[in-house]
Each structure stands twice: as C-alpha cells, then as structure tokens.
Amino acid sequence: MEPILETLNDGVIIADDSDQILFANGVFEEMTGIPRSEVDGEALAARVAFEFDLRNITTGVTVWSHYYSHDEPVNRRDVTAVVASMNRNVQSCLNEVLESLDQYFSTHVPKRSTADTHISQ
C-alpha cells in the first residue's frame, strides 16, 4: 500500500487507533517540512509557514508583505499532539501578522474611497 500512497499528490499521514503516526508520504514531508525519518523518531516539530501580501487593487503594487515560518515542537508522536502544535503555531502566526498590520496601518492610514463616503452618509 505504501507505494500507492507515494504516488498521490496529497500529503498523507496514517495513524493507528491510539493516534501513533505509522506512515507519512513524501508530499506530507514537502508540505510540513518534517522529514519522514523524523515521524518515526522522537524529535518532531510542526512547521507552519505563511506568506501574506496586501496589494493596491488599482496599481497592483504590493504595499505590505509578511512572511512567517516557525517550527513548533511536538511533545508526542501522535496526531493529537501534532495538531495541537500546529494550532499553537498558527495562533502565534496570526498574532504576529496582526501586530505587523497594526504597525503598517498606524503609519499608512487608508484613504477612503468615494464608495465608502457614500455609504457612511
């Protein structure tokens, strides 16, 4: 069955009834940055990476950009622990992005469009 799972274009992770990770395919490794050899090992980290852009619709120019990548340690080799680590990591990412956007908008006050002006009147 493993050769078939390796041909898929989707990341696959297989766990047993107690959420112990038994198998992960190559796409899982590409998506998460976690080497398959570490899935069966003790030292795991859940990597989350996001890239954000704020673009001016009229000009197409990117006016703000933020990249986030972080490895969050996984305490146990089970699906629940991996998901919990990824969740903590996503929350950290969102907090970092909110802070960065606050800084951007504190110095770049958005101009109101005429559509906004008509709505508020």
C-alpha atoms as a PDB file:
ATOM      1  CA  MET A   1       0.000   0.000   0.000  1.00  0.00           C
ATOM      2  CA  GLU A   2       2.879   2.424   0.702  1.00  0.00           C
ATOM      3  CA  PRO A   3       3.982   2.589  -2.977  1.00  0.00           C
ATOM      4  CA  ILE A   4       0.447   3.674  -3.927  1.00  0.00           C
ATOM      5  CA  LEU A   5       0.386   6.353  -1.217  1.00  0.00           C
ATOM      6  CA  GLU A   6       3.683   7.725  -2.517  1.00  0.00           C
ATOM      7  CA  THR A   7       2.123   8.391  -5.938  1.00  0.00           C
ATOM      8  CA  LEU A   8      -0.586  10.684  -4.537  1.00  0.00           C
ATOM      9  CA  ASN A   9      -0.356  14.453  -4.950  1.00  0.00           C
ATOM     10  CA  ASP A  10      -1.792  14.952  -1.454  1.00  0.00           C
ATOM     11  CA  GLY A  11       0.001  14.763   1.872  1.00  0.00           C
ATOM     12  CA  VAL A  12      -0.898  11.534   3.648  1.00  0.00           C
ATOM     13  CA  ILE A  13      -0.320  10.642   7.256  1.00  0.00           C
ATOM     14  CA  ILE A  14      -1.581   7.373   8.720  1.00  0.00           C
ATOM     15  CA  ALA A  15      -2.079   6.801  12.422  1.00  0.00           C
ATOM     16  CA  ASP A  16      -3.332   3.874  14.473  1.00  0.00           C
ATOM     17  CA  ASP A  17      -6.265   3.881  16.909  1.00  0.00           C
ATOM     18  CA  SER A  18      -4.108   5.434  19.623  1.00  0.00           C
ATOM     19  CA  ASP A  19      -3.044   8.270  17.252  1.00  0.00           C
ATOM     20  CA  GLN A  20       0.516   6.964  16.863  1.00  0.00           C
ATOM     21  CA  ILE A  21       1.894   8.010  13.484  1.00  0.00           C
ATOM     22  CA  LEU A  22       2.653   4.962  11.357  1.00  0.00           C
ATOM     23  CA  PHE A  23       3.360   6.436   7.917  1.00  0.00           C
ATOM     24  CA  ALA A  24       3.753   9.730   6.110  1.00  0.00           C
ATOM     25  CA  ASN A  25       4.293  10.118   2.366  1.00  0.00           C
ATOM     26  CA  GLY A  26       6.715  12.410   0.538  1.00  0.00           C
ATOM     27  CA  VAL A  27       4.099  15.104  -0.085  1.00  0.00           C
ATOM     28  CA  PHE A  28       3.460  15.271   3.682  1.00  0.00           C
ATOM     29  CA  GLU A  29       7.176  15.933   4.100  1.00  0.00           C
ATOM     30  CA  GLU A  30       7.130  18.664   1.437  1.00  0.00           C
ATOM     31  CA  MET A  31       4.034  20.332   2.925  1.00  0.00           C
ATOM     32  CA  THR A  32       5.137  20.307   6.562  1.00  0.00           C
ATOM     33  CA  GLY A  33       8.914  20.385   6.306  1.00  0.00           C
ATOM     34  CA  ILE A  34       9.028  17.409   8.672  1.00  0.00           C
ATOM     35  CA  PRO A  35      11.351  14.730   7.312  1.00  0.00           C
ATOM     36  CA  ARG A  36       9.648  11.356   7.128  1.00  0.00           C
ATOM     37  CA  SER A  37      12.551   9.838   9.004  1.00  0.00           C
ATOM     38  CA  GLU A  38      11.599  12.014  11.989  1.00  0.00           C
ATOM     39  CA  VAL A  39       7.972  10.955  12.009  1.00  0.00           C
ATOM     40  CA  ASP A  40       9.068   7.654  13.499  1.00  0.00           C
ATOM     41  CA  GLY A  41      11.695   9.348  15.671  1.00  0.00           C
ATOM     42  CA  GLU A  42      11.489  11.308  18.875  1.00  0.00           C
ATOM     43  CA  ALA A  43      12.416  14.814  17.743  1.00  0.00           C
ATOM     44  CA  LEU A  44       9.467  16.309  15.876  1.00  0.00           C
ATOM     45  CA  ALA A  45       8.415  19.832  15.141  1.00  0.00           C
ATOM     46  CA  ALA A  46       5.348  21.052  13.283  1.00  0.00           C
ATOM     47  CA  ARG A  47       6.360  23.726  10.791  1.00  0.00           C
ATOM     48  CA  VAL A  48       3.881  26.367   9.744  1.00  0.00           C
ATOM     49  CA  ALA A  49       4.755  28.832   7.011  1.00  0.00           C
ATOM     50  CA  PHE A  50       2.552  31.594   5.636  1.00  0.00           C
ATOM     51  CA  GLU A  51       3.178  34.463   3.264  1.00  0.00           C
ATOM     52  CA  PHE A  52       0.859  37.452   3.338  1.00  0.00           C
ATOM     53  CA  ASP A  53       0.613  40.328   0.867  1.00  0.00           C
ATOM     54  CA  LEU A  54      -1.549  43.427   0.936  1.00  0.00           C
ATOM     55  CA  ARG A  55      -1.923  44.796  -2.569  1.00  0.00           C
ATOM     56  CA  ASN A  56      -3.257  48.002  -4.035  1.00  0.00           C
ATOM     57  CA  ILE A  57      -6.061  46.824  -6.323  1.00  0.00           C
ATOM     58  CA  THR A  58      -5.729  49.822  -8.630  1.00  0.00           C
ATOM     59  CA  THR A  59      -1.970  49.692  -9.187  1.00  0.00           C
ATOM     60  CA  GLY A  60      -1.293  46.030  -8.420  1.00  0.00           C
ATOM     61  CA  VAL A  61       1.597  47.108  -6.181  1.00  0.00           C
ATOM     62  CA  THR A  62       2.262  45.138  -3.020  1.00  0.00           C
ATOM     63  CA  VAL A  63       2.122  47.681  -0.190  1.00  0.00           C
ATOM     64  CA  TRP A  64       2.703  45.309   2.737  1.00  0.00           C
ATOM     65  CA  SER A  65       4.179  41.849   2.940  1.00  0.00           C
ATOM     66  CA  HIS A  66       4.841  39.494   5.808  1.00  0.00           C
ATOM     67  CA  TYR A  67       6.397  36.023   5.874  1.00  0.00           C
ATOM     68  CA  TYR A  68       6.020  33.709   8.848  1.00  0.00           C
ATOM     69  CA  SER A  69       7.762  30.390   9.340  1.00  0.00           C
ATOM     70  CA  HIS A  70       8.245  28.655  12.642  1.00  0.00           C
ATOM     71  CA  ASP A  71       8.830  25.159  13.968  1.00  0.00           C
ATOM     72  CA  GLU A  72       6.691  24.279  16.978  1.00  0.00           C
ATOM     73  CA  PRO A  73       7.998  21.280  18.962  1.00  0.00           C
ATOM     74  CA  VAL A  74       5.722  18.246  19.110  1.00  0.00           C
ATOM     75  CA  ASN A  75       5.654  16.610  22.529  1.00  0.00           C
ATOM     76  CA  ARG A  76       4.457  13.183  21.431  1.00  0.00           C
ATOM     77  CA  ARG A  77       4.298  11.221  18.205  1.00  0.00           C
ATOM     78  CA  ASP A  78       0.552  11.230  17.838  1.00  0.00           C
ATOM     79  CA  VAL A  79      -1.892  13.067  15.638  1.00  0.00           C
ATOM     80  CA  THR A  80      -3.488  14.976  18.517  1.00  0.00           C
ATOM     81  CA  ALA A  81      -0.098  16.344  19.615  1.00  0.00           C
ATOM     82  CA  VAL A  82       0.818  17.328  16.050  1.00  0.00           C
ATOM     83  CA  VAL A  83      -2.485  19.140  15.536  1.00  0.00           C
ATOM     84  CA  ALA A  84      -2.150  20.893  18.909  1.00  0.00           C
ATOM     85  CA  SER A  85       1.378  22.052  17.991  1.00  0.00           C
ATOM     86  CA  MET A  86       0.223  23.312  14.608  1.00  0.00           C
ATOM     87  CA  ASN A  87      -2.695  25.122  16.249  1.00  0.00           C
ATOM     88  CA  ARG A  88      -0.342  26.911  18.680  1.00  0.00           C
ATOM     89  CA  ASN A  89       1.873  27.801  15.763  1.00  0.00           C
ATOM     90  CA  VAL A  90      -0.997  29.204  13.667  1.00  0.00           C
ATOM     91  CA  GLN A  91      -2.149  31.292  16.642  1.00  0.00           C
ATOM     92  CA  SER A  92       1.390  32.697  17.032  1.00  0.00           C
ATOM     93  CA  CYS A  93       1.420  33.473  13.318  1.00  0.00           C
ATOM     94  CA  LEU A  94      -1.889  35.329  13.484  1.00  0.00           C
ATOM     95  CA  ASN A  95      -0.720  37.371  16.479  1.00  0.00           C
ATOM     96  CA  GLU A  96       2.475  38.304  14.636  1.00  0.00           C
ATOM     97  CA  VAL A  97       0.573  39.261  11.477  1.00  0.00           C
ATOM     98  CA  LEU A  98      -1.934  41.377  13.447  1.00  0.00           C
ATOM     99  CA  GLU A  99       0.913  43.245  15.112  1.00  0.00           C
ATOM    100  CA  SER A 100       2.614  43.817  11.764  1.00  0.00           C
ATOM    101  CA  LEU A 101      -0.623  45.056  10.177  1.00  0.00           C
ATOM    102  CA  ASP A 102      -1.245  47.384  13.141  1.00  0.00           C
ATOM    103  CA  GLN A 103       2.229  48.852  12.638  1.00  0.00           C
ATOM    104  CA  TYR A 104       1.632  49.261   8.910  1.00  0.00           C
ATOM    105  CA  PHE A 105      -1.763  50.948   9.294  1.00  0.00           C
ATOM    106  CA  SER A 106      -0.511  53.240  12.075  1.00  0.00           C
ATOM    107  CA  THR A 107       1.806  54.847   9.521  1.00  0.00           C
ATOM    108  CA  HIS A 108      -0.256  54.289   6.352  1.00  0.00           C
ATOM    109  CA  VAL A 109      -3.786  55.469   7.022  1.00  0.00           C
ATOM    110  CA  PRO A 110      -6.026  54.053   4.280  1.00  0.00           C
ATOM    111  CA  LYS A 111      -7.697  56.622   2.050  1.00  0.00           C
ATOM    112  CA  ARG A 112     -11.451  56.398   1.954  1.00  0.00           C
ATOM    113  CA  SER A 113     -12.894  55.698  -1.424  1.00  0.00           C
ATOM    114  CA  THR A 114     -15.905  57.577  -2.753  1.00  0.00           C
ATOM    115  CA  ALA A 115     -17.923  54.383  -2.256  1.00  0.00           C
ATOM    116  CA  ASP A 116     -17.043  54.476   1.468  1.00  0.00           C
ATOM    117  CA  THR A 117     -18.043  58.130   1.684  1.00  0.00           C
ATOM    118  CA  HIS A 118     -21.461  57.473   0.150  1.00  0.00           C
ATOM    119  CA  ILE A 119     -22.107  54.525   2.463  1.00  0.00           C
ATOM    120  CA  SER A 120     -21.343  56.486   5.634  1.00  0.00           C
ATOM    121  CA  GLN A 121     -23.624  59.407   4.714  1.00  0.00           C
END
